[in-house]
Amino acid sequence: MPQDQTRERKRRRFFAAIFALTALPLLALPLMATIDIPFSSSVGLGFLIFAAGGGHVASTASVYVDRSVREVMRPMPLRFIVVPAVSIVATLGAVAWGASSSLPAGPVAALYMFHLGWLHYHYQRQNYGIIAFSAAAAGNRVPRYLDRVVLLPALAGCLSVMPVFLEDAFPNVNFWSPLAHLFQPAARIAFALGVAGLLALGYRRPEAFRHPRTVSFVAASFTFFLPALLLEQTDYAFWSYALAHGFQYLFMVFILGHEPAQRVLHSAWYFACALLGGLALHRLVGNHALFAAGIVLTWVHFVLDARLWKMSDPGPRKLLKERFDFIFGATTS
């Protein structure tokens, strides 16, 4: 049928684009590290970090102009209206107050540790969502417990970068120092356990891993955090997968937040949110109050996404099936 062929072409282009957006930074940044290009010397890399960092977080705001997305948000005003509004007001207060005062470093460092954990969890939940999309396109469901198994490589990545990031951000706070030597061994153990769990799932549910596309995205979710375990240059390691995550998100939100009847308006608003919101987030530096405000705004992004992309909820499920109809229509073997 011509309609099925069109749907399959869209499906292939979508997954090819997602895979490329994932793979390119995971390959390019470790290569740059290997040939000793200074991390801060590339203007192009700095722009990509801006786009995939603050830009991708801010792009979440673009979906508010979409009537169908607002219908999904309507039953949850606390999550989608009150929490973002309070966070923005608190951030404006931090901007005004932070110039003359600052928060104590210890609590902000603890906040940052929690943030790094949630950040890596958020990254891998998005990867798991892409695996679920891929399985749905093949007419399958992801095996039970895969959502937990894939969190182990994310934990490995978090444990690998955390000591360096804490030392860089808080050189005078060292409450984690007695355990610093345990982070890397714990990261390797977590990754090995994840691989073992994946092999066990493959043995118990081989039919779930028969489609090459699903296998590719499961493998990508594990290799995603390998740079953190293998590279000594932590900035290159972290941003290789942070860029991959940001590019995935920008691409998928561009599709989600585009009501066909208002595509031009939504496109303009999408790029405005990514650019202006990203610039605003990048200005939240200078002291601990502003640093904490930036973290809290990023958490708002986590909280909104956790529900907006949740296929188990009827509202988001209906919206996602409409916007990604080429995935959830007729399937291929």
Protein backbone atom coordinates (compact mmCIF):
# COMPACT_ATOMS: atom_id res chain seq x y z
CA MET A 1 0.00 0.00 0.00
CA PRO A 2 1.37 3.51 -0.85
CA GLN A 3 0.41 4.82 2.61
CA ASP A 4 2.33 2.03 4.32
CA GLN A 5 5.35 2.68 2.11
CA THR A 6 5.26 6.39 2.93
CA ARG A 7 5.00 5.62 6.64
CA GLU A 8 7.95 3.23 6.43
CA ARG A 9 10.09 5.82 4.62
CA LYS A 10 9.33 8.38 7.34
CA ARG A 11 10.08 5.79 9.98
CA ARG A 12 13.45 4.94 8.46
CA ARG A 13 14.42 8.59 8.05
CA PHE A 14 13.40 9.35 11.63
CA PHE A 15 15.42 6.54 13.18
CA ALA A 16 18.38 7.18 10.88
CA ALA A 17 18.40 10.83 11.98
CA ILE A 18 18.14 9.93 15.68
CA PHE A 19 20.93 7.38 15.35
CA ALA A 20 23.18 9.85 13.52
CA LEU A 21 22.51 12.61 16.06
CA THR A 22 23.42 10.14 18.81
CA ALA A 23 26.49 8.63 17.19
CA LEU A 24 28.21 11.72 15.80
CA PRO A 25 29.11 13.46 19.10
CA LEU A 26 29.87 10.11 20.75
CA LEU A 27 32.49 9.54 18.03
CA ALA A 28 33.66 13.09 17.29
CA LEU A 29 34.43 14.33 20.80
CA PRO A 30 36.51 11.31 21.88
CA LEU A 31 38.39 11.69 18.59
CA MET A 32 39.07 15.35 19.39
CA ALA A 33 40.29 14.31 22.83
CA THR A 34 42.55 11.63 21.34
CA ILE A 35 44.29 14.08 19.02
CA ASP A 36 44.72 16.57 21.88
CA ILE A 37 42.55 19.44 20.65
CA PRO A 38 42.08 21.72 23.70
CA PHE A 39 38.47 21.50 24.83
CA SER A 40 37.94 25.26 25.14
CA SER A 41 39.63 26.16 21.83
CA SER A 42 36.80 25.31 19.41
CA VAL A 43 34.19 28.01 18.77
CA GLY A 44 32.08 25.50 16.86
CA LEU A 45 32.06 23.08 19.77
CA GLY A 46 31.15 25.92 22.11
CA PHE A 47 28.13 26.77 19.97
CA LEU A 48 27.03 23.11 19.90
CA ILE A 49 27.34 22.93 23.68
CA PHE A 50 25.20 26.06 23.95
CA ALA A 51 22.54 24.55 21.65
CA ALA A 52 22.49 21.11 23.27
CA GLY A 53 22.86 22.46 26.80
CA GLY A 54 20.80 25.51 27.72
CA GLY A 55 19.17 25.61 24.29
CA HIS A 56 17.69 22.15 24.51
CA VAL A 57 16.44 22.74 28.07
CA ALA A 58 14.79 26.00 27.06
CA SER A 59 13.21 24.48 23.95
CA THR A 60 10.74 22.70 26.27
CA ALA A 61 8.90 26.03 26.56
CA SER A 62 8.10 25.95 22.84
CA VAL A 63 5.43 23.26 23.30
CA TYR A 64 3.25 25.64 25.33
CA VAL A 65 1.99 27.31 22.15
CA ASP A 66 0.62 24.02 20.85
CA ARG A 67 -3.11 23.63 21.63
CA SER A 68 -2.95 19.83 21.70
CA VAL A 69 -0.01 19.84 24.11
CA ARG A 70 -1.84 22.30 26.38
CA GLU A 71 -4.77 19.89 26.48
CA VAL A 72 -2.41 17.25 27.85
CA MET A 73 -1.12 19.74 30.42
CA ARG A 74 -4.54 20.99 31.53
CA PRO A 75 -5.30 18.23 34.11
CA MET A 76 -1.90 18.83 35.78
CA PRO A 77 -1.65 22.59 36.48
CA LEU A 78 0.72 22.10 39.42
CA ARG A 79 3.32 20.38 37.27
CA PHE A 80 2.96 22.41 34.08
CA ILE A 81 1.97 25.88 35.35
CA VAL A 82 2.71 26.39 39.04
CA VAL A 83 6.13 24.71 39.24
CA PRO A 84 7.60 26.49 36.17
CA ALA A 85 6.15 29.86 37.26
CA VAL A 86 7.52 29.57 40.80
CA SER A 87 10.92 28.48 39.48
CA ILE A 88 11.11 31.44 37.11
CA VAL A 89 10.18 33.88 39.89
CA ALA A 90 12.78 32.27 42.20
CA THR A 91 15.39 32.58 39.45
CA LEU A 92 14.62 36.27 38.97
CA GLY A 93 15.02 36.66 42.73
CA ALA A 94 18.38 34.88 42.57
CA VAL A 95 19.50 37.20 39.78
CA ALA A 96 18.56 40.25 41.86
CA TRP A 97 19.78 38.93 45.21
CA GLY A 98 22.74 36.89 44.05
CA ALA A 99 24.86 39.90 43.16
CA SER A 100 25.29 40.79 46.82
CA SER A 101 24.84 37.46 48.59
CA SER A 102 25.61 33.80 48.06
CA LEU A 103 24.53 30.44 49.36
CA PRO A 104 26.95 28.33 51.45
CA ALA A 105 29.06 26.07 49.25
CA GLY A 106 28.42 22.80 51.10
CA PRO A 107 24.65 22.56 50.55
CA VAL A 108 25.02 23.70 46.93
CA ALA A 109 27.65 21.01 46.36
CA ALA A 110 25.25 18.40 47.77
CA LEU A 111 22.54 19.80 45.50
CA TYR A 112 24.93 19.47 42.56
CA MET A 113 25.67 15.83 43.40
CA PHE A 114 21.96 15.08 43.38
CA HIS A 115 21.61 17.02 40.14
CA LEU A 116 24.31 14.97 38.41
CA GLY A 117 22.54 11.78 39.40
CA TRP A 118 19.16 13.01 38.15
CA LEU A 119 20.78 14.37 34.99
CA HIS A 120 22.22 10.97 34.02
CA TYR A 121 18.93 9.29 34.89
CA HIS A 122 17.15 11.79 32.64
CA TYR A 123 19.59 11.10 29.79
CA GLN A 124 19.02 7.37 29.97
CA ARG A 125 15.26 7.62 30.31
CA GLN A 126 15.25 9.44 26.99
CA ASN A 127 17.38 6.68 25.48
CA TYR A 128 14.94 4.13 26.84
CA GLY A 129 12.07 6.06 25.26
CA ILE A 130 13.82 5.86 21.89
CA ILE A 131 14.27 2.11 22.37
CA ALA A 132 10.54 1.84 23.11
CA PHE A 133 9.73 3.82 19.95
CA SER A 134 11.98 1.52 17.95
CA ALA A 135 10.35 -1.60 19.39
CA ALA A 136 6.87 -0.19 18.71
CA ALA A 137 7.83 0.50 15.09
CA ALA A 138 8.81 -3.17 14.77
CA GLY A 139 5.56 -4.36 16.36
CA ASN A 140 7.24 -5.41 19.61
CA ARG A 141 7.39 -4.30 23.22
CA VAL A 142 10.55 -3.79 25.21
CA PRO A 143 11.24 -6.65 27.61
CA ARG A 144 10.35 -6.25 31.24
CA TYR A 145 13.15 -4.89 33.43
CA LEU A 146 15.09 -3.37 30.50
CA ASP A 147 14.19 0.07 31.84
CA ARG A 148 16.08 -0.81 35.04
CA VAL A 149 19.01 -2.56 33.40
CA VAL A 150 19.82 0.41 31.17
CA LEU A 151 20.11 2.65 34.25
CA LEU A 152 23.29 0.83 35.29
CA PRO A 153 25.50 2.29 32.50
CA ALA A 154 23.99 5.70 33.32
CA LEU A 155 25.06 5.20 36.94
CA ALA A 156 28.52 4.25 35.68
CA GLY A 157 28.76 7.47 33.68
CA CYS A 158 27.61 9.56 36.63
CA LEU A 159 30.10 7.99 39.03
CA SER A 160 32.92 8.52 36.53
CA VAL A 161 32.46 12.26 36.02
CA MET A 162 31.16 13.26 39.45
CA PRO A 163 34.47 13.59 41.38
CA VAL A 164 36.04 15.78 38.69
CA PHE A 165 33.00 18.00 38.30
CA LEU A 166 32.66 18.43 42.06
CA GLU A 167 36.33 19.33 42.41
CA ASP A 168 36.12 21.86 39.58
CA ALA A 169 32.92 23.52 40.82
CA PHE A 170 33.68 23.39 44.56
CA PRO A 171 37.46 23.26 45.14
CA ASN A 172 37.06 24.25 48.80
CA VAL A 173 34.42 21.63 49.64
CA ASN A 174 35.69 18.11 50.12
CA PHE A 175 33.16 16.08 52.12
CA TRP A 176 33.23 13.43 49.36
CA SER A 177 37.05 13.18 49.26
CA PRO A 178 37.39 10.12 51.55
CA LEU A 179 35.33 8.13 49.02
CA ALA A 180 36.78 9.65 45.84
CA HIS A 181 38.99 6.63 45.10
CA LEU A 182 35.91 4.36 45.02
CA PHE A 183 34.02 6.18 42.28
CA GLN A 184 35.84 4.70 39.28
CA PRO A 185 35.81 1.07 40.49
CA ALA A 186 32.13 1.44 41.36
CA ALA A 187 31.46 2.84 37.89
CA ARG A 188 33.10 -0.16 36.22
CA ILE A 189 31.16 -2.58 38.41
CA ALA A 190 27.88 -0.81 37.57
CA PHE A 191 28.62 -0.98 33.84
CA ALA A 192 29.58 -4.67 34.04
CA LEU A 193 26.37 -5.45 35.94
CA GLY A 194 24.41 -3.63 33.26
CA VAL A 195 26.01 -5.71 30.51
CA ALA A 196 25.34 -8.90 32.45
CA GLY A 197 21.70 -7.89 32.96
CA LEU A 198 21.31 -7.14 29.26
CA LEU A 199 22.75 -10.52 28.27
CA ALA A 200 20.36 -12.21 30.69
CA LEU A 201 17.40 -10.38 29.16
CA GLY A 202 18.57 -11.34 25.69
CA TYR A 203 18.73 -14.97 26.74
CA ARG A 204 15.25 -14.91 28.31
CA ARG A 205 13.54 -12.78 25.64
CA PRO A 206 15.43 -13.28 22.36
CA GLU A 207 12.39 -12.31 20.29
CA ALA A 208 12.51 -8.77 21.73
CA PHE A 209 15.97 -8.23 20.23
CA ARG A 210 15.46 -9.64 16.76
CA HIS A 211 14.92 -6.36 14.96
CA PRO A 212 18.29 -4.76 14.04
CA ARG A 213 17.01 -1.27 14.76
CA THR A 214 16.02 -2.13 18.32
CA VAL A 215 19.35 -3.86 18.90
CA SER A 216 21.16 -0.77 17.58
CA PHE A 217 19.43 1.58 20.00
CA VAL A 218 19.88 -0.76 22.96
CA ALA A 219 23.59 -0.94 22.13
CA ALA A 220 23.68 2.86 21.78
CA SER A 221 22.17 3.27 25.25
CA PHE A 222 25.10 1.30 26.69
CA THR A 223 27.89 2.87 24.62
CA PHE A 224 26.37 6.27 25.42
CA PHE A 225 28.30 6.54 28.69
CA LEU A 226 31.45 4.67 27.69
CA PRO A 227 33.45 7.89 27.07
CA ALA A 228 33.10 8.70 30.78
CA LEU A 229 34.76 5.38 31.66
CA LEU A 230 37.42 5.43 28.95
CA LEU A 231 38.55 9.06 28.54
CA GLU A 232 40.77 10.96 30.94
CA GLN A 233 39.47 14.30 29.61
CA THR A 234 36.23 14.56 31.58
CA ASP A 235 34.88 17.56 29.67
CA TYR A 236 35.13 15.73 26.36
CA ALA A 237 33.69 12.57 27.92
CA PHE A 238 30.67 14.26 29.47
CA TRP A 239 29.80 16.50 26.55
CA SER A 240 30.02 13.65 24.05
CA TYR A 241 26.85 12.13 25.52
CA ALA A 242 25.34 15.41 26.73
CA LEU A 243 25.46 16.67 23.13
CA ALA A 244 23.94 13.41 21.89
CA HIS A 245 21.09 13.77 24.37
CA GLY A 246 20.51 17.42 23.49
CA PHE A 247 20.44 16.77 19.76
CA GLN A 248 17.99 13.90 20.22
CA TYR A 249 15.73 16.12 22.28
CA LEU A 250 15.82 19.13 19.97
CA PHE A 251 14.88 16.88 17.05
CA MET A 252 12.03 15.13 18.85
CA VAL A 253 10.57 18.29 20.41
CA PHE A 254 10.63 19.91 16.97
CA ILE A 255 8.35 17.10 15.80
CA LEU A 256 6.19 16.98 18.95
CA GLY A 257 5.50 20.70 19.22
CA HIS A 258 4.45 21.30 15.63
CA GLU A 259 0.75 21.38 15.07
CA PRO A 260 0.47 21.01 11.26
CA ALA A 261 -1.91 23.96 10.86
CA GLN A 262 0.53 26.35 12.60
CA ARG A 263 3.91 24.97 11.58
CA VAL A 264 5.51 28.34 10.73
CA LEU A 265 4.44 29.99 14.00
CA HIS A 266 5.55 27.00 16.06
CA SER A 267 8.90 26.81 14.27
CA ALA A 268 9.62 30.48 15.00
CA TRP A 269 8.65 30.07 18.67
CA TYR A 270 10.71 26.87 18.97
CA PHE A 271 13.89 28.58 17.75
CA ALA A 272 13.21 31.67 19.88
CA CYS A 273 12.84 29.54 23.02
CA ALA A 274 16.00 27.56 22.28
CA LEU A 275 18.06 30.67 21.54
CA LEU A 276 16.80 33.22 24.07
CA GLY A 277 16.12 30.69 26.82
CA GLY A 278 19.53 29.13 26.26
CA LEU A 279 21.21 32.52 26.55
CA ALA A 280 19.34 33.18 29.80
CA LEU A 281 20.38 29.85 31.30
CA HIS A 282 24.01 30.38 30.34
CA ARG A 283 24.02 33.66 32.26
CA LEU A 284 23.18 31.88 35.53
CA VAL A 285 26.80 31.71 36.63
CA GLY A 286 28.94 33.73 38.97
CA ASN A 287 27.96 32.55 42.44
CA HIS A 288 26.22 29.69 44.21
CA ALA A 289 22.78 31.34 44.23
CA LEU A 290 22.76 31.69 40.44
CA PHE A 291 24.28 28.23 40.04
CA ALA A 292 21.49 26.71 42.15
CA ALA A 293 18.85 28.64 40.19
CA GLY A 294 20.18 27.18 36.94
CA ILE A 295 20.00 23.70 38.43
CA VAL A 296 16.40 24.20 39.58
CA LEU A 297 15.32 25.43 36.13
CA THR A 298 16.90 22.34 34.61
CA TRP A 299 14.89 20.23 37.07
CA VAL A 300 11.72 21.88 35.76
CA HIS A 301 12.71 20.58 32.33
CA PHE A 302 13.09 17.09 33.86
CA VAL A 303 9.72 17.25 35.61
CA LEU A 304 7.83 18.46 32.53
CA ASP A 305 9.39 15.87 30.26
CA ALA A 306 8.78 13.02 32.65
CA ARG A 307 5.04 13.43 32.14
CA LEU A 308 4.83 14.88 28.64
CA TRP A 309 6.51 11.82 27.09
CA LYS A 310 4.94 9.20 29.37
CA MET A 311 3.29 6.62 27.12
CA SER A 312 1.51 4.95 30.05
CA ASP A 313 -0.64 8.08 30.55
CA PRO A 314 -3.65 8.30 28.20
CA GLY A 315 -3.20 12.01 27.35
CA PRO A 316 0.48 11.92 26.35
CA ARG A 317 -0.03 8.55 24.64
CA LYS A 318 -2.75 9.95 22.40
CA LEU A 319 -0.68 13.02 21.54
CA LEU A 320 2.50 11.06 20.82
CA LYS A 321 0.67 8.57 18.63
CA GLU A 322 -0.75 11.48 16.62
CA ARG A 323 2.52 13.37 16.20
CA PHE A 324 4.60 10.22 15.64
CA ASP A 325 1.94 8.39 13.65
CA PHE A 326 4.55 7.02 11.26
CA ILE A 327 5.97 5.02 14.16
CA PHE A 328 2.76 3.76 15.74
CA GLY A 329 0.90 2.92 12.54
CA ALA A 330 1.40 -0.28 10.53
CA THR A 331 4.55 -2.05 11.67
CA THR A 332 7.29 -3.92 9.89
CA SER A 333 8.93 -7.18 10.75
